[in-house]
Protein backbone atom coordinates (compact mmCIF):
# COMPACT_ATOMS: atom_id res chain seq x y z
CA MET A 1 87.73 128.60 112.06
CA VAL A 2 87.74 127.54 115.72
CA LEU A 3 87.01 124.23 117.43
CA THR A 4 85.23 125.11 120.67
CA GLN A 5 84.54 121.54 121.77
CA PRO A 6 85.59 118.11 120.49
CA LYS A 7 83.03 116.44 118.24
CA GLY A 8 81.65 119.82 117.23
CA ALA A 9 81.66 121.82 114.03
CA LEU A 10 84.27 124.55 113.57
CA GLU A 11 82.94 128.05 114.08
CA PRO A 12 83.96 131.17 112.13
CA THR A 13 85.39 133.63 114.65
CA GLU A 14 86.93 137.10 114.51
CA ARG A 15 90.10 137.56 116.60
CA GLU A 16 92.83 140.11 117.04
CA ILE A 17 95.95 139.45 114.95
CA PRO A 18 98.36 137.60 117.26
CA ILE A 19 101.67 139.13 118.38
CA ALA A 20 105.06 137.54 117.72
CA LEU A 21 106.92 137.20 121.02
CA PRO A 22 110.72 136.78 121.23
CA GLY A 23 111.76 133.73 119.23
CA GLU A 24 108.51 133.70 117.25
CA VAL A 25 107.33 134.90 113.85
CA LEU A 26 103.97 136.20 112.67
CA VAL A 27 102.89 134.61 109.38
CA ARG A 28 100.15 135.73 107.02
CA ILE A 29 98.62 132.43 105.92
CA ARG A 30 98.27 131.73 102.21
CA ALA A 31 97.16 128.07 102.42
CA CYS A 32 96.67 125.34 105.01
CA GLY A 33 96.35 121.63 104.32
CA VAL A 34 93.57 119.51 105.79
CA CYS A 35 95.14 116.51 107.51
CA ARG A 36 93.61 113.35 108.98
CA THR A 37 95.14 114.40 112.32
CA ASP A 38 92.92 117.49 112.21
CA LEU A 39 90.00 115.13 111.79
CA HIS A 40 91.10 113.05 114.80
CA ILE A 41 91.22 116.26 116.87
CA VAL A 42 87.84 117.51 115.69
CA ASP A 43 86.27 114.08 116.18
CA GLY A 44 87.63 113.81 119.74
CA GLU A 45 89.87 110.83 118.99
CA LEU A 46 93.01 112.50 120.35
CA PRO A 47 93.00 113.34 124.06
CA ALA A 48 93.69 116.66 125.74
CA ALA A 49 93.14 119.00 122.82
CA GLU A 50 93.33 122.56 124.14
CA VAL A 51 89.97 124.01 123.19
CA PRO A 52 89.12 126.49 121.95
CA ILE A 53 91.77 125.78 119.30
CA ILE A 54 92.36 126.75 115.69
CA PRO A 55 93.26 123.48 113.89
CA GLY A 56 95.69 123.12 111.01
CA HIS A 57 99.38 122.25 110.81
CA GLU A 58 100.22 122.23 107.09
CA ILE A 59 100.64 125.99 106.95
CA VAL A 60 102.08 127.98 104.06
CA GLY A 61 102.47 131.71 104.47
CA ILE A 62 104.58 134.83 104.33
CA VAL A 63 106.59 136.14 107.27
CA GLU A 64 105.09 139.46 108.36
CA VAL A 65 106.84 140.16 111.69
CA LEU A 66 109.99 138.79 113.29
CA GLY A 67 110.11 138.46 117.05
CA ASP A 68 113.28 139.44 118.88
CA SER A 69 116.28 137.11 118.38
CA VAL A 70 114.99 135.55 115.14
CA THR A 71 117.83 135.76 112.63
CA HIS A 72 117.46 132.86 110.17
CA LEU A 73 114.26 134.24 108.62
CA ALA A 74 113.34 137.55 107.03
CA VAL A 75 110.13 139.48 106.49
CA GLY A 76 108.73 138.38 103.14
CA ASP A 77 110.05 134.81 103.26
CA ARG A 78 107.60 132.14 102.15
CA VAL A 79 107.62 129.56 104.92
CA GLY A 80 105.94 126.43 106.19
CA ILE A 81 104.77 125.61 109.71
CA PRO A 82 104.40 121.89 110.53
CA TRP A 83 102.81 119.74 113.26
CA LEU A 84 105.68 119.92 115.76
CA GLY A 85 105.47 123.44 117.12
CA TYR A 86 107.57 123.55 120.31
CA THR A 87 110.11 121.45 122.23
CA CYS A 88 112.02 122.17 125.42
CA GLY A 89 115.45 121.97 123.77
CA GLU A 90 117.03 120.60 126.95
CA CYS A 91 115.91 116.99 127.50
CA GLU A 92 117.82 113.90 126.37
CA PHE A 93 115.66 113.61 123.28
CA CYS A 94 116.16 117.22 122.21
CA GLN A 95 119.88 117.03 122.90
CA SER A 96 120.26 113.93 120.72
CA GLY A 97 118.37 115.15 117.65
CA ARG A 98 115.19 113.29 118.62
CA GLU A 99 113.14 116.31 119.58
CA ASN A 100 110.11 114.57 118.07
CA LEU A 101 110.01 112.54 121.32
CA CYS A 102 110.32 115.50 123.72
CA ARG A 103 107.97 115.00 126.68
CA ASP A 104 107.16 118.73 126.71
CA ALA A 105 106.45 118.97 122.98
CA ARG A 106 103.48 121.02 121.85
CA PHE A 107 101.79 120.66 118.50
CA THR A 108 100.38 123.11 115.98
CA GLY A 109 96.61 123.00 115.74
CA TYR A 110 96.37 120.78 118.83
CA HIS A 111 98.02 122.70 121.67
CA LEU A 112 98.96 125.83 119.68
CA ASP A 113 96.63 127.73 117.38
CA GLY A 114 97.15 126.57 113.82
CA GLY A 115 96.45 127.45 110.23
CA TYR A 116 92.69 127.44 109.74
CA ALA A 117 92.98 131.21 109.96
CA GLU A 118 94.40 134.28 108.22
CA PHE A 119 97.39 134.72 110.58
CA ALA A 120 99.41 132.50 112.89
CA VAL A 121 102.38 132.89 115.20
CA ALA A 122 104.94 130.10 115.50
CA ASP A 123 108.18 129.24 117.26
CA ALA A 124 110.79 130.23 114.67
CA ARG A 125 112.78 127.03 115.32
CA TYR A 126 109.93 125.17 113.66
CA VAL A 127 109.38 127.46 110.71
CA PHE A 128 111.02 126.41 107.44
CA LYS A 129 111.65 128.13 104.13
CA LEU A 130 109.82 126.41 101.30
CA PRO A 131 111.25 125.42 97.91
CA ALA A 132 110.31 127.39 94.84
CA GLY A 133 108.31 125.72 92.09
CA TYR A 134 105.26 124.87 94.18
CA SER A 135 102.13 126.97 94.42
CA ASP A 136 100.93 127.78 97.93
CA ALA A 137 98.21 125.12 97.69
CA ASP A 138 100.63 122.50 96.37
CA ALA A 139 103.20 123.31 99.05
CA ALA A 140 100.74 122.83 101.93
CA PRO A 141 100.65 118.98 101.88
CA LEU A 142 104.45 118.91 102.01
CA LEU A 143 104.27 120.15 105.62
CA CYS A 144 102.76 116.94 107.05
CA ALA A 145 101.74 114.44 104.40
CA GLY A 146 105.18 114.99 102.93
CA LEU A 147 107.22 115.29 106.13
CA ILE A 148 105.62 112.42 108.05
CA GLY A 149 105.52 110.35 104.87
CA TYR A 150 109.23 110.98 104.39
CA ARG A 151 110.09 109.97 107.96
CA ALA A 152 108.01 106.80 107.61
CA TYR A 153 109.68 106.09 104.27
CA ARG A 154 113.15 106.35 105.81
CA MET A 155 112.11 104.06 108.67
CA ALA A 156 110.96 101.45 106.15
CA GLY A 157 114.52 100.81 105.00
CA ASP A 158 115.84 100.48 101.47
CA GLY A 159 114.08 97.33 100.23
CA LYS A 160 112.93 97.37 96.63
CA ARG A 161 109.25 96.43 97.07
CA LEU A 162 107.28 98.87 99.23
CA GLY A 163 103.62 98.58 100.16
CA LEU A 164 101.46 101.59 101.07
CA TYR A 165 98.27 100.83 103.01
CA GLY A 166 95.80 103.69 102.70
CA PHE A 167 96.32 105.82 99.60
CA GLY A 168 95.61 109.35 100.78
CA ALA A 169 97.58 112.58 101.02
CA ALA A 170 100.78 111.09 102.44
CA ALA A 171 100.85 107.93 100.35
CA HIS A 172 100.35 109.79 97.08
CA LEU A 173 103.51 111.82 97.80
CA VAL A 174 105.53 108.85 99.09
CA ALA A 175 104.63 106.93 95.94
CA GLN A 176 106.14 109.68 93.82
CA PHE A 177 109.50 110.01 95.52
CA ALA A 178 109.77 106.23 96.05
CA THR A 179 109.25 105.49 92.37
CA ASN A 180 111.67 108.29 91.52
CA GLN A 181 114.27 106.40 93.58
CA GLY A 182 113.62 103.15 91.75
CA ARG A 183 111.32 101.42 94.24
CA GLU A 184 108.44 99.19 93.20
CA VAL A 185 105.43 100.65 95.00
CA HIS A 186 102.33 98.60 95.74
CA ALA A 187 99.19 100.50 96.81
CA PHE A 188 96.51 99.00 99.07
CA THR A 189 93.11 100.67 99.34
CA SER A 190 89.72 99.89 100.83
CA PRO A 191 88.17 96.95 99.00
CA GLY A 192 86.31 98.09 95.92
CA ASP A 193 87.88 101.56 95.77
CA GLU A 194 88.86 101.32 92.11
CA LYS A 195 89.12 105.10 91.79
CA LYS A 196 91.95 105.26 94.34
CA GLN A 197 93.59 102.22 92.76
CA ASP A 198 93.55 103.88 89.34
CA PHE A 199 94.93 107.04 90.97
CA ALA A 200 97.80 105.04 92.50
CA ARG A 201 98.68 103.47 89.16
CA SER A 202 98.68 106.90 87.52
CA LEU A 203 101.41 107.95 89.97
CA GLY A 204 103.68 105.05 89.06
CA CYS A 205 102.60 102.26 91.41
CA VAL A 206 103.33 98.90 89.80
CA TRP A 207 100.26 97.32 91.42
CA ALA A 208 97.15 98.52 93.25
CA GLY A 209 94.50 96.43 94.95
CA ALA A 210 92.42 95.93 98.06
CA SER A 211 94.01 95.93 101.51
CA ASN A 212 93.04 92.29 102.02
CA GLU A 213 94.59 91.12 98.74
CA PRO A 214 98.08 89.66 98.36
CA PRO A 215 100.50 91.69 96.25
CA PRO A 216 102.09 89.99 93.21
CA ALA A 217 105.28 89.37 95.23
CA PRO A 218 106.13 89.60 98.96
CA LEU A 219 107.09 93.06 100.19
CA HIS A 220 110.35 94.19 101.74
CA ALA A 221 108.48 96.84 103.73
CA ALA A 222 105.07 98.36 104.21
CA ILE A 223 103.85 101.71 105.53
CA ILE A 224 100.39 101.91 107.07
CA PHE A 225 98.79 105.33 106.72
CA ALA A 226 95.20 104.19 107.35
CA PRO A 227 94.21 104.38 111.06
CA ALA A 228 93.11 100.74 111.06
CA GLY A 229 94.89 98.40 113.48
CA HIS A 230 93.81 95.23 111.67
CA LEU A 231 96.13 96.22 108.82
CA VAL A 232 99.22 95.55 110.97
CA PRO A 233 98.97 91.74 110.93
CA GLU A 234 97.69 91.94 107.36
CA ALA A 235 100.79 93.86 106.26
CA LEU A 236 103.09 91.57 108.27
CA SER A 237 101.67 88.59 106.45
CA ARG A 238 102.72 90.16 103.14
CA THR A 239 106.35 90.91 104.07
CA LEU A 240 109.49 88.88 103.54
CA PRO A 241 111.73 87.75 106.43
CA GLY A 242 113.46 90.82 107.83
CA GLY A 243 110.65 93.03 106.55
CA VAL A 244 109.50 96.21 108.28
CA VAL A 245 105.94 97.44 108.88
CA VAL A 246 105.78 101.13 109.76
CA CYS A 247 102.69 102.60 111.45
CA ALA A 248 102.72 106.22 110.32
CA GLY A 249 99.63 107.71 111.93
CA ILE A 250 99.26 109.46 115.28
CA HIS A 251 96.05 107.51 115.93
CA MET A 252 95.11 103.93 115.11
CA SER A 253 92.41 101.53 116.22
CA ASP A 254 93.53 98.63 118.40
CA ILE A 255 95.81 96.07 116.77
CA PRO A 256 94.25 92.61 117.03
CA SER A 257 96.23 89.65 118.31
CA PHE A 258 98.12 87.69 115.69
CA PRO A 259 100.31 84.57 115.69
CA TYR A 260 103.97 84.98 116.53
CA SER A 261 104.83 83.26 113.27
CA GLN A 262 103.85 86.46 111.43
CA LEU A 263 106.45 88.43 113.39
CA TRP A 264 109.14 85.75 113.43
CA GLU A 265 112.11 85.74 111.04
CA GLU A 266 113.18 89.18 112.26
CA ARG A 267 110.21 91.12 110.97
CA VAL A 268 109.75 94.50 112.66
CA VAL A 269 106.72 96.61 113.57
CA ARG A 270 107.47 100.21 114.49
CA SER A 271 105.68 103.52 114.83
CA VAL A 272 106.63 106.97 113.61
CA ALA A 273 106.13 109.96 115.89
CA ASN A 274 106.03 113.53 114.65
CA LEU A 275 109.10 114.93 112.88
CA THR A 276 112.47 116.50 113.56
CA LYS A 277 114.06 119.66 112.21
CA SER A 278 116.45 117.39 110.30
CA ASP A 279 113.50 115.63 108.66
CA ALA A 280 112.12 118.97 107.52
CA ARG A 281 115.41 120.18 106.07
CA GLU A 282 116.11 116.89 104.27
CA PHE A 283 112.63 116.48 102.83
CA LEU A 284 112.23 120.08 101.66
CA ALA A 285 115.64 119.83 99.97
CA LEU A 286 114.43 116.62 98.27
CA ALA A 287 111.21 118.33 97.20
CA ALA A 288 113.31 121.06 95.58
CA THR A 289 115.16 118.53 93.39
CA VAL A 290 112.46 115.90 92.78
CA LYS A 291 109.45 117.82 91.52
CA LEU A 292 106.51 116.29 93.31
CA GLU A 293 103.01 116.80 91.98
CA PRO A 294 100.62 117.10 94.91
CA HIS A 295 97.02 116.50 93.91
CA VAL A 296 94.97 119.01 95.87
CA GLN A 297 91.34 119.98 96.21
CA THR A 298 90.97 123.54 97.45
CA TYR A 299 88.27 125.02 99.68
CA PRO A 300 87.64 128.51 101.03
CA LEU A 301 88.70 128.80 104.66
CA VAL A 302 85.09 129.20 105.76
CA ASP A 303 84.33 125.80 104.20
CA ALA A 304 86.67 123.98 106.59
CA ASN A 305 83.80 121.85 107.90
CA ARG A 306 83.00 120.67 104.39
CA ALA A 307 86.65 119.83 103.74
CA LEU A 308 86.79 117.77 106.94
CA ALA A 309 83.53 116.03 106.02
CA ASP A 310 84.94 115.11 102.60
CA LEU A 311 88.07 113.70 104.24
CA ARG A 312 85.97 111.79 106.77
CA GLY A 313 83.88 110.32 103.97
CA GLY A 314 86.84 109.25 101.85
CA GLN A 315 85.93 111.66 99.06
CA LEU A 316 89.31 113.39 98.78
CA GLN A 317 91.76 112.17 96.17
CA GLY A 318 95.12 113.49 97.25
CA ALA A 319 94.96 116.36 99.77
CA GLY A 320 92.47 119.03 100.80
CA VAL A 321 93.75 122.59 101.19
CA LEU A 322 92.07 125.66 102.70
CA LEU A 323 92.64 129.05 101.08
CA PRO A 324 91.93 132.04 103.36
CA GLU A 325 91.60 134.46 100.47
CA GLN A 326 88.49 132.78 99.09
CA PRO A 327 85.41 134.42 100.64
CA GLU A 328 82.61 132.05 99.61
CA ALA A 329 80.72 130.30 102.44
CA SER A 330 78.51 127.29 102.87
CA GLU A 331 76.55 125.67 105.64
CA PRO A 332 78.72 123.91 108.25
CA VAL A 333 78.67 120.13 108.16
CA LYS A 334 78.31 118.39 111.51
CA PRO A 335 80.76 115.51 112.18
């Protein structure tokens, strides 16, 4: 399913199976998550997308071919391919374990063809073995919702009361491993979205309410997953002195001005960019020991437009996942 121009529907397209070059692997795709970043790309909200492009960066599949010099993977391995797809390996960021900030980074489904397909090639440095115990569909959200959620969670510090603004694919996983570690999780949704609030409570959140409501007690930290800049001062106003507000998305509307008093007392606002190989190893090891329960809604690959439309309309509870092996089709839905 190919994006030929921003703000257009994806088009079903037949292509030759790609070839794994040295340092790459060819993966037969078993599932691919549908991420809000895909939606930003399709809707033209992220600049410089390389079109035509196959979106998708929460890829689960089986290694079919190893390119020359790949030694840490084997044919038949079940692996995941995430958002970060290439880095130079030589700059100061790469050399200091911060390859997520590499100026020459390229991203899966944005600069490199991704997982809305039956096959994909990927730089083997950014291909990771997946833990057992998860179906292909359940494993797909771990590759971005899980990984970026985990990085944001670590950046939020170790305070007891954690707020999650926007309760979608990432937040519903963060809520699970945060409560497993003894945190009190507070979920903030769009006003009136009682279905998402009930969903949050079912996953162990101690409180769920509207994004403009105060929580029962001030927060030690908050993570903003919704791409809404006005939530930054809102979240700051709900944090204790020394609190941290983490902006976890790659795209957000402009942050409105707010009084310095909301930032004072050593509160912090920070963003999270991409992921590192260390993030992937740590989180996938955690997922192997703490059995997460991703809530997924599956779609045939050819229904990618419908999956994106459901995400755009707020109709997904948990994560959407495309399954290439399902042949049914439907009419494309225009953005």
